[in-house]
């Protein structure tokens, strides 16, 4: 069975999601207003992402959350700080010859 992974960024106004496959290819992204039920919005967003891409919940291997509301997103398997998420992103996407020494979050 092919596996997919979802990252959630729970902001104070918007909840963002990205789905990748096992090779790290971005499959899809979605954005929703956070509303008053952050966890419920996250679950709805994950369901919509899976449905739009014809993926079952069993095919989602892991869900990681970051952002302002990361601790309350019950659908996530784990959470990390925004700074840690930035560091992972740079490590994965920066060309090998570059060694960024600073990350600025605006």
PDB file of N, CA and C in Angstrom:
ATOM      1  N   UNK A   1       0.853  -1.177   0.000  1.00  0.00           N
ATOM      2  CA  UNK A   1       0.000   0.000   0.000  1.00  0.00           C
ATOM      3  C   UNK A   1       0.899   1.241   0.000  1.00  0.00           C
ATOM      4  N   UNK A   2       0.595   2.160  -0.877  1.00  0.00           N
ATOM      5  CA  UNK A   2       1.332   3.415  -0.944  1.00  0.00           C
ATOM      6  C   UNK A   2       0.999   4.279   0.271  1.00  0.00           C
ATOM      7  N   UNK A   3       2.025   4.907   0.868  1.00  0.00           N
ATOM      8  CA  UNK A   3       1.842   5.731   2.060  1.00  0.00           C
ATOM      9  C   UNK A   3       1.986   7.206   1.731  1.00  0.00           C
ATOM     10  N   UNK A   4       1.231   8.013   2.470  1.00  0.00           N
ATOM     11  CA  UNK A   4       1.267   9.459   2.344  1.00  0.00           C
ATOM     12  C   UNK A   4       1.442  10.068   3.725  1.00  0.00           C
ATOM     13  N   UNK A   5       1.914  11.300   3.747  1.00  0.00           N
ATOM     14  CA  UNK A   5       2.197  11.983   5.000  1.00  0.00           C
ATOM     15  C   UNK A   5       1.634  13.397   4.912  1.00  0.00           C
ATOM     16  N   UNK A   6       1.117  13.897   6.032  1.00  0.00           N
ATOM     17  CA  UNK A   6       0.470  15.208   6.034  1.00  0.00           C
ATOM     18  C   UNK A   6       1.129  16.093   7.090  1.00  0.00           C
ATOM     19  N   UNK A   7       1.396  17.320   6.698  1.00  0.00           N
ATOM     20  CA  UNK A   7       1.877  18.332   7.621  1.00  0.00           C
ATOM     21  C   UNK A   7       0.804  19.388   7.800  1.00  0.00           C
ATOM     22  N   UNK A   8       0.544  19.765   9.042  1.00  0.00           N
ATOM     23  CA  UNK A   8      -0.451  20.792   9.360  1.00  0.00           C
ATOM     24  C   UNK A   8       0.240  21.974  10.006  1.00  0.00           C
ATOM     25  N   UNK A   9      -0.123  23.174   9.571  1.00  0.00           N
ATOM     26  CA  UNK A   9       0.368  24.399  10.198  1.00  0.00           C
ATOM     27  C   UNK A   9      -0.844  25.124  10.755  1.00  0.00           C
ATOM     28  N   UNK A  10      -1.011  25.035  12.074  1.00  0.00           N
ATOM     29  CA  UNK A  10      -2.176  25.618  12.732  1.00  0.00           C
ATOM     30  C   UNK A  10      -1.917  27.044  13.171  1.00  0.00           C
ATOM     31  N   UNK A  11      -2.301  27.977  12.364  1.00  0.00           N
ATOM     32  CA  UNK A  11      -2.147  29.380  12.701  1.00  0.00           C
ATOM     33  C   UNK A  11      -3.358  29.909  13.451  1.00  0.00           C
ATOM     34  N   UNK A  12      -3.282  31.157  13.877  1.00  0.00           N
ATOM     35  CA  UNK A  12      -4.395  31.742  14.617  1.00  0.00           C
ATOM     36  C   UNK A  12      -5.572  32.084  13.705  1.00  0.00           C
ATOM     37  N   UNK A  13      -5.317  32.260  12.424  1.00  0.00           N
ATOM     38  CA  UNK A  13      -6.372  32.614  11.474  1.00  0.00           C
ATOM     39  C   UNK A  13      -6.629  31.522  10.443  1.00  0.00           C
ATOM     40  N   UNK A  14      -5.572  30.896   9.944  1.00  0.00           N
ATOM     41  CA  UNK A  14      -5.699  29.867   8.911  1.00  0.00           C
ATOM     42  C   UNK A  14      -5.008  28.590   9.334  1.00  0.00           C
ATOM     43  N   UNK A  15      -5.542  27.477   8.855  1.00  0.00           N
ATOM     44  CA  UNK A  15      -4.940  26.174   9.030  1.00  0.00           C
ATOM     45  C   UNK A  15      -4.501  25.707   7.648  1.00  0.00           C
ATOM     46  N   UNK A  16      -3.208  25.409   7.512  1.00  0.00           N
ATOM     47  CA  UNK A  16      -2.657  24.991   6.233  1.00  0.00           C
ATOM     48  C   UNK A  16      -2.258  23.527   6.309  1.00  0.00           C
ATOM     49  N   UNK A  17      -2.392  22.819   5.185  1.00  0.00           N
ATOM     50  CA  UNK A  17      -2.021  21.414   5.135  1.00  0.00           C
ATOM     51  C   UNK A  17      -1.286  21.116   3.841  1.00  0.00           C
ATOM     52  N   UNK A  18      -0.315  20.223   3.932  1.00  0.00           N
ATOM     53  CA  UNK A  18       0.395  19.733   2.749  1.00  0.00           C
ATOM     54  C   UNK A  18       0.489  18.220   2.853  1.00  0.00           C
ATOM     55  N   UNK A  19       0.273  17.543   1.735  1.00  0.00           N
ATOM     56  CA  UNK A  19       0.378  16.089   1.680  1.00  0.00           C
ATOM     57  C   UNK A  19       1.542  15.734   0.768  1.00  0.00           C
ATOM     58  N   UNK A  20       2.400  14.823   1.245  1.00  0.00           N
ATOM     59  CA  UNK A  20       3.503  14.338   0.418  1.00  0.00           C
ATOM     60  C   UNK A  20       3.424  12.824   0.314  1.00  0.00           C
ATOM     61  N   UNK A  21       4.105  12.295  -0.710  1.00  0.00           N
ATOM     62  CA  UNK A  21       4.182  10.845  -0.836  1.00  0.00           C
ATOM     63  C   UNK A  21       5.483  10.355  -0.211  1.00  0.00           C
ATOM     64  N   UNK A  22       5.742   9.076  -0.286  1.00  0.00           N
ATOM     65  CA  UNK A  22       6.920   8.480   0.326  1.00  0.00           C
ATOM     66  C   UNK A  22       8.238   8.931  -0.264  1.00  0.00           C
ATOM     67  N   UNK A  23       8.204   9.544  -1.452  1.00  0.00           N
ATOM     68  CA  UNK A  23       9.415  10.060  -2.082  1.00  0.00           C
ATOM     69  C   UNK A  23       9.615  11.549  -1.818  1.00  0.00           C
ATOM     70  N   UNK A  24       8.726  12.145  -1.035  1.00  0.00           N
ATOM     71  CA  UNK A  24       8.841  13.556  -0.704  1.00  0.00           C
ATOM     72  C   UNK A  24       8.223  14.493  -1.721  1.00  0.00           C
ATOM     73  N   UNK A  25       7.468  13.962  -2.670  1.00  0.00           N
ATOM     74  CA  UNK A  25       6.788  14.790  -3.661  1.00  0.00           C
ATOM     75  C   UNK A  25       5.520  15.387  -3.062  1.00  0.00           C
ATOM     76  N   UNK A  26       5.311  16.680  -3.268  1.00  0.00           N
ATOM     77  CA  UNK A  26       4.091  17.324  -2.780  1.00  0.00           C
ATOM     78  C   UNK A  26       2.931  16.866  -3.657  1.00  0.00           C
ATOM     79  N   UNK A  27       1.941  16.264  -3.034  1.00  0.00           N
ATOM     80  CA  UNK A  27       0.756  15.763  -3.738  1.00  0.00           C
ATOM     81  C   UNK A  27      -0.323  16.831  -3.818  1.00  0.00           C
ATOM     82  N   UNK A  28      -0.546  17.547  -2.694  1.00  0.00           N
ATOM     83  CA  UNK A  28      -1.618  18.536  -2.661  1.00  0.00           C
ATOM     84  C   UNK A  28      -1.442  19.429  -1.430  1.00  0.00           C
ATOM     85  N   UNK A  29      -2.050  20.594  -1.483  1.00  0.00           N
ATOM     86  CA  UNK A  29      -2.079  21.509  -0.344  1.00  0.00           C
ATOM     87  C   UNK A  29      -3.482  22.085  -0.223  1.00  0.00           C
ATOM     88  N   UNK A  30      -3.834  22.497   0.993  1.00  0.00           N
ATOM     89  CA  UNK A  30      -5.130  23.129   1.241  1.00  0.00           C
ATOM     90  C   UNK A  30      -4.983  24.148   2.363  1.00  0.00           C
ATOM     91  N   UNK A  31      -5.869  25.138   2.347  1.00  0.00           N
ATOM     92  CA  UNK A  31      -5.919  26.161   3.389  1.00  0.00           C
ATOM     93  C   UNK A  31      -7.373  26.358   3.780  1.00  0.00           C
ATOM     94  N   UNK A  32      -7.625  26.463   5.087  1.00  0.00           N
ATOM     95  CA  UNK A  32      -8.966  26.721   5.593  1.00  0.00           C
ATOM     96  C   UNK A  32      -8.901  27.762   6.704  1.00  0.00           C
ATOM     97  N   UNK A  33      -9.983  28.500   6.893  1.00  0.00           N
ATOM     98  CA  UNK A  33     -10.078  29.367   8.066  1.00  0.00           C
ATOM     99  C   UNK A  33     -10.064  28.483   9.305  1.00  0.00           C
ATOM    100  N   UNK A  34      -9.311  28.897  10.311  1.00  0.00           N
ATOM    101  CA  UNK A  34      -9.185  28.096  11.520  1.00  0.00           C
ATOM    102  C   UNK A  34     -10.515  27.995  12.246  1.00  0.00           C
ATOM    103  N   UNK A  35     -11.247  29.067  12.339  1.00  0.00           N
ATOM    104  CA  UNK A  35     -12.519  29.051  13.055  1.00  0.00           C
ATOM    105  C   UNK A  35     -12.303  28.921  14.552  1.00  0.00           C
ATOM    106  N   UNK A  36     -13.350  28.524  15.269  1.00  0.00           N
ATOM    107  CA  UNK A  36     -13.240  28.422  16.729  1.00  0.00           C
ATOM    108  C   UNK A  36     -12.891  27.013  17.197  1.00  0.00           C
ATOM    109  N   UNK A  37     -12.971  26.029  16.309  1.00  0.00           N
ATOM    110  CA  UNK A  37     -12.666  24.638  16.651  1.00  0.00           C
ATOM    111  C   UNK A  37     -11.447  24.189  15.844  1.00  0.00           C
ATOM    112  N   UNK A  38     -10.261  24.532  16.320  1.00  0.00           N
ATOM    113  CA  UNK A  38      -9.031  24.228  15.584  1.00  0.00           C
ATOM    114  C   UNK A  38      -8.904  22.739  15.281  1.00  0.00           C
ATOM    115  N   UNK A  39      -9.157  21.904  16.274  1.00  0.00           N
ATOM    116  CA  UNK A  39      -9.005  20.472  16.089  1.00  0.00           C
ATOM    117  C   UNK A  39     -10.020  19.926  15.079  1.00  0.00           C
ATOM    118  N   UNK A  40     -11.259  20.381  15.179  1.00  0.00           N
ATOM    119  CA  UNK A  40     -12.291  19.963  14.231  1.00  0.00           C
ATOM    120  C   UNK A  40     -11.975  20.406  12.812  1.00  0.00           C
ATOM    121  N   UNK A  41     -11.467  21.626  12.679  1.00  0.00           N
ATOM    122  CA  UNK A  41     -11.075  22.136  11.356  1.00  0.00           C
ATOM    123  C   UNK A  41      -9.940  21.299  10.788  1.00  0.00           C
ATOM    124  N   UNK A  42      -8.982  20.921  11.633  1.00  0.00           N
ATOM    125  CA  UNK A  42      -7.858  20.093  11.178  1.00  0.00           C
ATOM    126  C   UNK A  42      -8.350  18.737  10.682  1.00  0.00           C
ATOM    127  N   UNK A  43      -9.260  18.109  11.414  1.00  0.00           N
ATOM    128  CA  UNK A  43      -9.810  16.816  10.991  1.00  0.00           C
ATOM    129  C   UNK A  43     -10.549  16.933   9.666  1.00  0.00           C
ATOM    130  N   UNK A  44     -11.360  17.987   9.532  1.00  0.00           N
ATOM    131  CA  UNK A  44     -12.089  18.230   8.287  1.00  0.00           C
ATOM    132  C   UNK A  44     -11.124  18.458   7.126  1.00  0.00           C
ATOM    133  N   UNK A  45     -10.062  19.196   7.387  1.00  0.00           N
ATOM    134  CA  UNK A  45      -9.065  19.492   6.354  1.00  0.00           C
ATOM    135  C   UNK A  45      -8.359  18.221   5.905  1.00  0.00           C
ATOM    136  N   UNK A  46      -7.969  17.369   6.841  1.00  0.00           N
ATOM    137  CA  UNK A  46      -7.317  16.098   6.500  1.00  0.00           C
ATOM    138  C   UNK A  46      -8.267  15.221   5.692  1.00  0.00           C
ATOM    139  N   UNK A  47      -9.520  15.130   6.115  1.00  0.00           N
ATOM    140  CA  UNK A  47     -10.511  14.341   5.380  1.00  0.00           C
ATOM    141  C   UNK A  47     -10.698  14.864   3.957  1.00  0.00           C
ATOM    142  N   UNK A  48     -10.789  16.186   3.812  1.00  0.00           N
ATOM    143  CA  UNK A  48     -10.983  16.784   2.485  1.00  0.00           C
ATOM    144  C   UNK A  48      -9.777  16.538   1.591  1.00  0.00           C
ATOM    145  N   UNK A  49      -8.594  16.622   2.149  1.00  0.00           N
ATOM    146  CA  UNK A  49      -7.364  16.382   1.401  1.00  0.00           C
ATOM    147  C   UNK A  49      -7.317  14.935   0.899  1.00  0.00           C
ATOM    148  N   UNK A  50      -7.665  14.004   1.776  1.00  0.00           N
ATOM    149  CA  UNK A  50      -7.693  12.590   1.387  1.00  0.00           C
ATOM    150  C   UNK A  50      -8.756  12.328   0.328  1.00  0.00           C
ATOM    151  N   UNK A  51      -9.939  12.875   0.555  1.00  0.00           N
ATOM    152  CA  UNK A  51     -11.039  12.650  -0.388  1.00  0.00           C
ATOM    153  C   UNK A  51     -10.702  13.206  -1.762  1.00  0.00           C
ATOM    154  N   UNK A  52     -10.176  14.418  -1.817  1.00  0.00           N
ATOM    155  CA  UNK A  52      -9.846  15.051  -3.096  1.00  0.00           C
ATOM    156  C   UNK A  52      -8.797  14.251  -3.872  1.00  0.00           C
ATOM    157  N   UNK A  53      -7.937  13.534  -3.145  1.00  0.00           N
ATOM    158  CA  UNK A  53      -6.867  12.771  -3.794  1.00  0.00           C
ATOM    159  C   UNK A  53      -7.134  11.269  -3.819  1.00  0.00           C
ATOM    160  N   UNK A  54      -8.361  10.896  -3.448  1.00  0.00           N
ATOM    161  CA  UNK A  54      -8.782   9.490  -3.452  1.00  0.00           C
ATOM    162  C   UNK A  54      -7.839   8.610  -2.635  1.00  0.00           C
ATOM    163  N   UNK A  55      -7.539   9.090  -1.431  1.00  0.00           N
ATOM    164  CA  UNK A  55      -6.648   8.387  -0.511  1.00  0.00           C
ATOM    165  C   UNK A  55      -7.449   8.039   0.732  1.00  0.00           C
ATOM    166  N   UNK A  56      -7.283   6.821   1.224  1.00  0.00           N
ATOM    167  CA  UNK A  56      -7.979   6.414   2.445  1.00  0.00           C
ATOM    168  C   UNK A  56      -7.172   6.835   3.665  1.00  0.00           C
ATOM    169  N   UNK A  57      -7.837   6.916   4.787  1.00  0.00           N
ATOM    170  CA  UNK A  57      -7.163   7.261   6.027  1.00  0.00           C
ATOM    171  C   UNK A  57      -6.066   6.268   6.389  1.00  0.00           C
ATOM    172  N   UNK A  58      -6.251   4.998   6.007  1.00  0.00           N
ATOM    173  CA  UNK A  58      -5.247   3.974   6.283  1.00  0.00           C
ATOM    174  C   UNK A  58      -3.958   4.203   5.497  1.00  0.00           C
ATOM    175  N   UNK A  59      -4.029   4.953   4.401  1.00  0.00           N
ATOM    176  CA  UNK A  59      -2.840   5.234   3.603  1.00  0.00           C
ATOM    177  C   UNK A  59      -2.017   6.394   4.154  1.00  0.00           C
ATOM    178  N   UNK A  60      -2.580   7.120   5.113  1.00  0.00           N
ATOM    179  CA  UNK A  60      -1.839   8.228   5.726  1.00  0.00           C
ATOM    180  C   UNK A  60      -0.977   7.646   6.834  1.00  0.00           C
ATOM    181  N   UNK A  61       0.350   7.693   6.621  1.00  0.00           N
ATOM    182  CA  UNK A  61       1.275   7.083   7.549  1.00  0.00           C
ATOM    183  C   UNK A  61       1.539   7.900   8.795  1.00  0.00           C
ATOM    184  N   UNK A  62       1.470   9.225   8.676  1.00  0.00           N
ATOM    185  CA  UNK A  62       1.821  10.079   9.811  1.00  0.00           C
ATOM    186  C   UNK A  62       1.325  11.485   9.547  1.00  0.00           C
ATOM    187  N   UNK A  63       0.888  12.156  10.598  1.00  0.00           N
ATOM    188  CA  UNK A  63       0.472  13.553  10.500  1.00  0.00           C
ATOM    189  C   UNK A  63       1.248  14.343  11.545  1.00  0.00           C
ATOM    190  N   UNK A  64       1.974  15.354  11.076  1.00  0.00           N
ATOM    191  CA  UNK A  64       2.776  16.211  11.957  1.00  0.00           C
ATOM    192  C   UNK A  64       2.157  17.601  11.973  1.00  0.00           C
ATOM    193  N   UNK A  65       2.105  18.211  13.161  1.00  0.00           N
ATOM    194  CA  UNK A  65       1.528  19.547  13.311  1.00  0.00           C
ATOM    195  C   UNK A  65       2.582  20.531  13.788  1.00  0.00           C
ATOM    196  N   UNK A  66       2.452  21.752  13.342  1.00  0.00           N
ATOM    197  CA  UNK A  66       3.262  22.860  13.811  1.00  0.00           C
ATOM    198  C   UNK A  66       2.365  24.078  13.888  1.00  0.00           C
ATOM    199  N   UNK A  67       2.888  25.160  14.404  1.00  0.00           N
ATOM    200  CA  UNK A  67       2.120  26.400  14.437  1.00  0.00           C
ATOM    201  C   UNK A  67       1.504  26.704  15.790  1.00  0.00           C
ATOM    202  N   UNK A  68       0.820  27.813  15.819  1.00  0.00           N
ATOM    203  CA  UNK A  68       0.209  28.366  17.023  1.00  0.00           C
ATOM    204  C   UNK A  68      -0.685  27.364  17.757  1.00  0.00           C
ATOM    205  N   UNK A  69      -1.500  26.632  17.008  1.00  0.00           N
ATOM    206  CA  UNK A  69      -2.470  25.715  17.633  1.00  0.00           C
ATOM    207  C   UNK A  69      -2.049  24.247  17.544  1.00  0.00           C
ATOM    208  N   UNK A  70      -0.766  23.980  17.329  1.00  0.00           N
ATOM    209  CA  UNK A  70      -0.296  22.612  17.104  1.00  0.00           C
ATOM    210  C   UNK A  70      -0.637  21.645  18.237  1.00  0.00           C
ATOM    211  N   UNK A  71      -0.671  22.128  19.462  1.00  0.00           N
ATOM    212  CA  UNK A  71      -0.897  21.253  20.623  1.00  0.00           C
ATOM    213  C   UNK A  71      -2.338  20.758  20.740  1.00  0.00           C
ATOM    214  N   UNK A  72      -3.276  21.403  20.067  1.00  0.00           N
ATOM    215  CA  UNK A  72      -4.684  21.013  20.190  1.00  0.00           C
ATOM    216  C   UNK A  72      -5.219  20.289  18.955  1.00  0.00           C
ATOM    217  N   UNK A  73      -4.372  20.013  17.978  1.00  0.00           N
ATOM    218  CA  UNK A  73      -4.820  19.336  16.756  1.00  0.00           C
ATOM    219  C   UNK A  73      -4.800  17.829  16.993  1.00  0.00           C
ATOM    220  N   UNK A  74      -5.926  17.302  17.457  1.00  0.00           N
ATOM    221  CA  UNK A  74      -6.026  15.896  17.855  1.00  0.00           C
ATOM    222  C   UNK A  74      -5.736  14.912  16.722  1.00  0.00           C
ATOM    223  N   UNK A  75      -5.937  15.312  15.493  1.00  0.00           N
ATOM    224  CA  UNK A  75      -5.719  14.420  14.369  1.00  0.00           C
ATOM    225  C   UNK A  75      -4.221  14.163  14.131  1.00  0.00           C
ATOM    226  N   UNK A  76      -3.360  15.016  14.659  1.00  0.00           N
ATOM    227  CA  UNK A  76      -1.915  14.882  14.457  1.00  0.00           C
ATOM    228  C   UNK A  76      -1.327  13.791  15.350  1.00  0.00           C
ATOM    229  N   UNK A  77      -0.341  13.099  14.809  1.00  0.00           N
ATOM    230  CA  UNK A  77       0.379  12.082  15.581  1.00  0.00           C
ATOM    231  C   UNK A  77       1.405  12.718  16.517  1.00  0.00           C
ATOM    232  N   UNK A  78       1.936  13.859  16.122  1.00  0.00           N
ATOM    233  CA  UNK A  78       2.944  14.551  16.920  1.00  0.00           C
ATOM    234  C   UNK A  78       2.968  16.015  16.504  1.00  0.00           C
ATOM    235  N   UNK A  79       3.740  16.827  17.251  1.00  0.00           N
ATOM    236  CA  UNK A  79       3.863  18.238  16.887  1.00  0.00           C
ATOM    237  C   UNK A  79       5.300  18.697  17.118  1.00  0.00           C
ATOM    238  N   UNK A  80       5.693  19.714  16.369  1.00  0.00           N
ATOM    239  CA  UNK A  80       7.012  20.327  16.513  1.00  0.00           C
ATOM    240  C   UNK A  80       6.844  21.841  16.433  1.00  0.00           C
ATOM    241  N   UNK A  81       7.818  22.569  16.961  1.00  0.00           N
ATOM    242  CA  UNK A  81       7.763  24.027  16.906  1.00  0.00           C
ATOM    243  C   UNK A  81       7.984  24.508  15.473  1.00  0.00           C
ATOM    244  N   UNK A  82       7.612  25.742  15.228  1.00  0.00           N
ATOM    245  CA  UNK A  82       7.814  26.330  13.906  1.00  0.00           C
ATOM    246  C   UNK A  82       9.297  26.385  13.552  1.00  0.00           C
ATOM    247  N   UNK A  83      10.147  26.694  14.520  1.00  0.00           N
ATOM    248  CA  UNK A  83      11.588  26.789  14.258  1.00  0.00           C
ATOM    249  C   UNK A  83      12.143  25.431  13.840  1.00  0.00           C
ATOM    250  N   UNK A  84      11.716  24.374  14.509  1.00  0.00           N
ATOM    251  CA  UNK A  84      12.154  23.030  14.136  1.00  0.00           C
ATOM    252  C   UNK A  84      11.658  22.669  12.745  1.00  0.00           C
ATOM    253  N   UNK A  85      10.416  23.030  12.435  1.00  0.00           N
ATOM    254  CA  UNK A  85       9.871  22.771  11.101  1.00  0.00           C
ATOM    255  C   UNK A  85      10.671  23.503  10.034  1.00  0.00           C
ATOM    256  N   UNK A  86      11.038  24.752  10.308  1.00  0.00           N
ATOM    257  CA  UNK A  86      11.862  25.509   9.361  1.00  0.00           C
ATOM    258  C   UNK A  86      13.207  24.825   9.155  1.00  0.00           C
ATOM    259  N   UNK A  87      13.818  24.379  10.240  1.00  0.00           N
ATOM    260  CA  UNK A  87      15.130  23.738  10.142  1.00  0.00           C
ATOM    261  C   UNK A  87      15.070  22.462   9.303  1.00  0.00           C
ATOM    262  N   UNK A  88      14.043  21.639   9.525  1.00  0.00           N
ATOM    263  CA  UNK A  88      13.876  20.434   8.712  1.00  0.00           C
ATOM    264  C   UNK A  88      13.677  20.794   7.243  1.00  0.00           C
ATOM    265  N   UNK A  89      12.845  21.790   7.006  1.00  0.00           N
ATOM    266  CA  UNK A  89      12.581  22.211   5.622  1.00  0.00           C
ATOM    267  C   UNK A  89      13.834  22.666   4.908  1.00  0.00           C
ATOM    268  N   UNK A  90      14.662  23.443   5.583  1.00  0.00           N
ATOM    269  CA  UNK A  90      15.915  23.905   4.974  1.00  0.00           C
ATOM    270  C   UNK A  90      16.841  22.724   4.719  1.00  0.00           C
ATOM    271  N   UNK A  91      16.931  21.825   5.674  1.00  0.00           N
ATOM    272  CA  UNK A  91      17.822  20.672   5.512  1.00  0.00           C
ATOM    273  C   UNK A  91      17.411  19.821   4.311  1.00  0.00           C
ATOM    274  N   UNK A  92      16.110  19.683   4.095  1.00  0.00           N
ATOM    275  CA  UNK A  92      15.616  18.844   3.004  1.00  0.00           C
ATOM    276  C   UNK A  92      15.697  19.545   1.653  1.00  0.00           C
ATOM    277  N   UNK A  93      15.452  20.852   1.614  1.00  0.00           N
ATOM    278  CA  UNK A  93      15.328  21.534   0.323  1.00  0.00           C
ATOM    279  C   UNK A  93      16.553  22.315  -0.125  1.00  0.00           C
ATOM    280  N   UNK A  94      17.458  22.672   0.776  1.00  0.00           N
ATOM    281  CA  UNK A  94      18.631  23.469   0.377  1.00  0.00           C
ATOM    282  C   UNK A  94      19.603  22.599  -0.416  1.00  0.00           C
ATOM    283  N   UNK A  95      20.190  23.146  -1.478  1.00  0.00           N
ATOM    284  CA  UNK A  95      21.216  22.396  -2.220  1.00  0.00           C
ATOM    285  C   UNK A  95      22.353  21.989  -1.279  1.00  0.00           C
ATOM    286  N   UNK A  96      22.957  20.837  -1.554  1.00  0.00           N
ATOM    287  CA  UNK A  96      23.980  20.268  -0.672  1.00  0.00           C
ATOM    288  C   UNK A  96      25.134  21.220  -0.406  1.00  0.00           C
ATOM    289  N   UNK A  97      25.500  22.044  -1.393  1.00  0.00           N
ATOM    290  CA  UNK A  97      26.643  22.943  -1.221  1.00  0.00           C
ATOM    291  C   UNK A  97      26.321  24.165  -0.352  1.00  0.00           C
ATOM    292  N   UNK A  98      25.060  24.383  -0.049  1.00  0.00           N
ATOM    293  CA  UNK A  98      24.669  25.512   0.801  1.00  0.00           C
ATOM    294  C   UNK A  98      24.491  25.028   2.229  1.00  0.00           C
ATOM    295  N   UNK A  99      24.940  25.791   3.143  1.00  0.00           N
ATOM    296  CA  UNK A  99      24.764  25.482   4.560  1.00  0.00           C
ATOM    297  C   UNK A  99      24.188  26.719   5.248  1.00  0.00           C
ATOM    298  N   UNK A 100      22.872  26.930   5.137  1.00  0.00           N
ATOM    299  CA  UNK A 100      22.289  28.119   5.746  1.00  0.00           C
ATOM    300  C   UNK A 100      22.599  28.206   7.239  1.00  0.00           C
ATOM    301  N   UNK A 101      23.006  29.363   7.691  1.00  0.00           N
ATOM    302  CA  UNK A 101      23.336  29.559   9.087  1.00  0.00           C
ATOM    303  C   UNK A 101      22.264  30.284   9.854  1.00  0.00           C
ATOM    304  N   UNK A 102      21.237  30.786   9.147  1.00  0.00           N
ATOM    305  CA  UNK A 102      20.169  31.530   9.815  1.00  0.00           C
ATOM    306  C   UNK A 102      18.872  31.339   9.041  1.00  0.00           C
ATOM    307  N   UNK A 103      17.788  31.239   9.796  1.00  0.00           N
ATOM    308  CA  UNK A 103      16.456  31.146   9.214  1.00  0.00           C
ATOM    309  C   UNK A 103      15.651  32.301   9.779  1.00  0.00           C
ATOM    310  N   UNK A 104      15.011  33.073   8.914  1.00  0.00           N
ATOM    311  CA  UNK A 104      14.201  34.197   9.356  1.00  0.00           C
ATOM    312  C   UNK A 104      12.732  33.863   9.086  1.00  0.00           C
ATOM    313  N   UNK A 105      11.912  33.891  10.132  1.00  0.00           N
ATOM    314  CA  UNK A 105      10.476  33.634  10.016  1.00  0.00           C
ATOM    315  C   UNK A 105       9.773  34.976  10.112  1.00  0.00           C
ATOM    316  N   UNK A 106       9.172  35.406   9.001  1.00  0.00           N
ATOM    317  CA  UNK A 106       8.520  36.714   8.961  1.00  0.00           C
ATOM    318  C   UNK A 106       7.029  36.552   9.087  1.00  0.00           C
TER     319      UNK A 106
END
